Amino acid sequence: MNAVTSVNPHSAHADLIATYRRAEAEAAHKFSLIKAAEKKGPKAIQTAIDTSAKAAKRRDAYAKKLLDLGVTLDA
């Protein structure tokens, strides 16, 4: 027998929104680390910038998935 499971679209959207919110908070945190890295030199600053950019890219990818599903987020 094949088991068929139904996924509630609202639940899936809620999970994706929660993931987006976590990615958004992570991106903000990583961006704040750039300021802290200023005292440690150019190599630390570049590492913080790279890490921040990756976090922002993840956040933007989740935002695009939500937009594709027709879910808009208030900024």
Protein backbone atom coordinates (compact mmCIF):
# COMPACT_ATOMS: atom_id res chain seq x y z
CA MET A 1 0.00 0.00 0.00
CA ASN A 2 1.11 3.49 -0.71
CA ALA A 3 0.71 5.91 2.14
CA VAL A 4 -0.38 9.34 1.04
CA THR A 5 0.36 12.18 3.36
CA SER A 6 -1.17 15.56 2.96
CA VAL A 7 0.86 18.60 3.87
CA ASN A 8 -1.09 21.61 4.98
CA PRO A 9 0.10 24.47 2.74
CA HIS A 10 -0.35 26.96 5.57
CA SER A 11 1.85 24.82 7.79
CA ALA A 12 4.49 24.60 5.05
CA HIS A 13 4.34 28.36 4.61
CA ALA A 14 4.64 28.86 8.36
CA ASP A 15 7.72 26.64 8.47
CA LEU A 16 9.31 28.52 5.58
CA ILE A 17 8.45 31.87 7.17
CA ALA A 18 10.05 30.73 10.44
CA THR A 19 13.15 29.63 8.54
CA TYR A 20 13.26 32.98 6.77
CA ARG A 21 12.97 34.83 10.09
CA ARG A 22 15.89 32.83 11.53
CA ALA A 23 17.96 33.53 8.40
CA GLU A 24 17.05 37.21 8.66
CA ALA A 25 18.22 37.35 12.29
CA GLU A 26 21.39 35.45 11.43
CA ALA A 27 22.18 37.88 8.60
CA ALA A 28 21.71 40.85 10.92
CA HIS A 29 23.94 39.24 13.54
CA LYS A 30 26.67 38.40 11.03
CA PHE A 31 26.56 41.95 9.72
CA SER A 32 27.05 43.27 13.26
CA LEU A 33 30.16 41.10 13.57
CA ILE A 34 31.85 43.23 10.92
CA LYS A 35 31.98 46.10 13.42
CA ALA A 36 33.53 43.82 16.05
CA ALA A 37 36.11 42.57 13.55
CA GLU A 38 37.35 46.09 12.82
CA LYS A 39 39.64 45.92 15.84
CA LYS A 40 41.15 42.63 14.73
CA GLY A 41 42.48 43.69 11.36
CA PRO A 42 41.75 43.44 7.65
CA LYS A 43 41.74 39.63 7.46
CA ALA A 44 39.13 39.38 10.22
CA ILE A 45 37.08 42.10 8.56
CA GLN A 46 37.13 40.27 5.22
CA THR A 47 36.10 37.00 6.89
CA ALA A 48 33.21 38.76 8.63
CA ILE A 49 32.14 40.40 5.37
CA ASP A 50 32.20 37.06 3.53
CA THR A 51 30.22 35.36 6.30
CA SER A 52 27.70 38.20 6.35
CA ALA A 53 27.26 38.02 2.57
CA LYS A 54 26.57 34.27 2.72
CA ALA A 55 23.97 34.76 5.46
CA ALA A 56 22.28 37.54 3.45
CA LYS A 57 22.25 35.29 0.39
CA ARG A 58 20.50 32.53 2.37
CA ARG A 59 17.97 35.06 3.70
CA ASP A 60 17.29 36.33 0.19
CA ALA A 61 16.86 32.78 -1.13
CA TYR A 62 14.19 32.07 1.49
CA ALA A 63 12.49 35.39 0.72
CA LYS A 64 12.37 34.42 -2.97
CA LYS A 65 10.86 31.02 -2.16
CA LEU A 66 8.17 32.73 -0.10
CA LEU A 67 7.50 35.24 -2.87
CA ASP A 68 7.20 32.38 -5.38
CA LEU A 69 4.54 30.88 -3.11
CA GLY A 70 2.71 34.20 -3.04
CA VAL A 71 3.64 35.01 0.55
CA THR A 72 4.72 38.57 1.16
CA LEU A 73 6.51 39.62 4.30
CA ASP A 74 6.21 42.99 5.96
CA ALA A 75 9.62 44.56 6.35
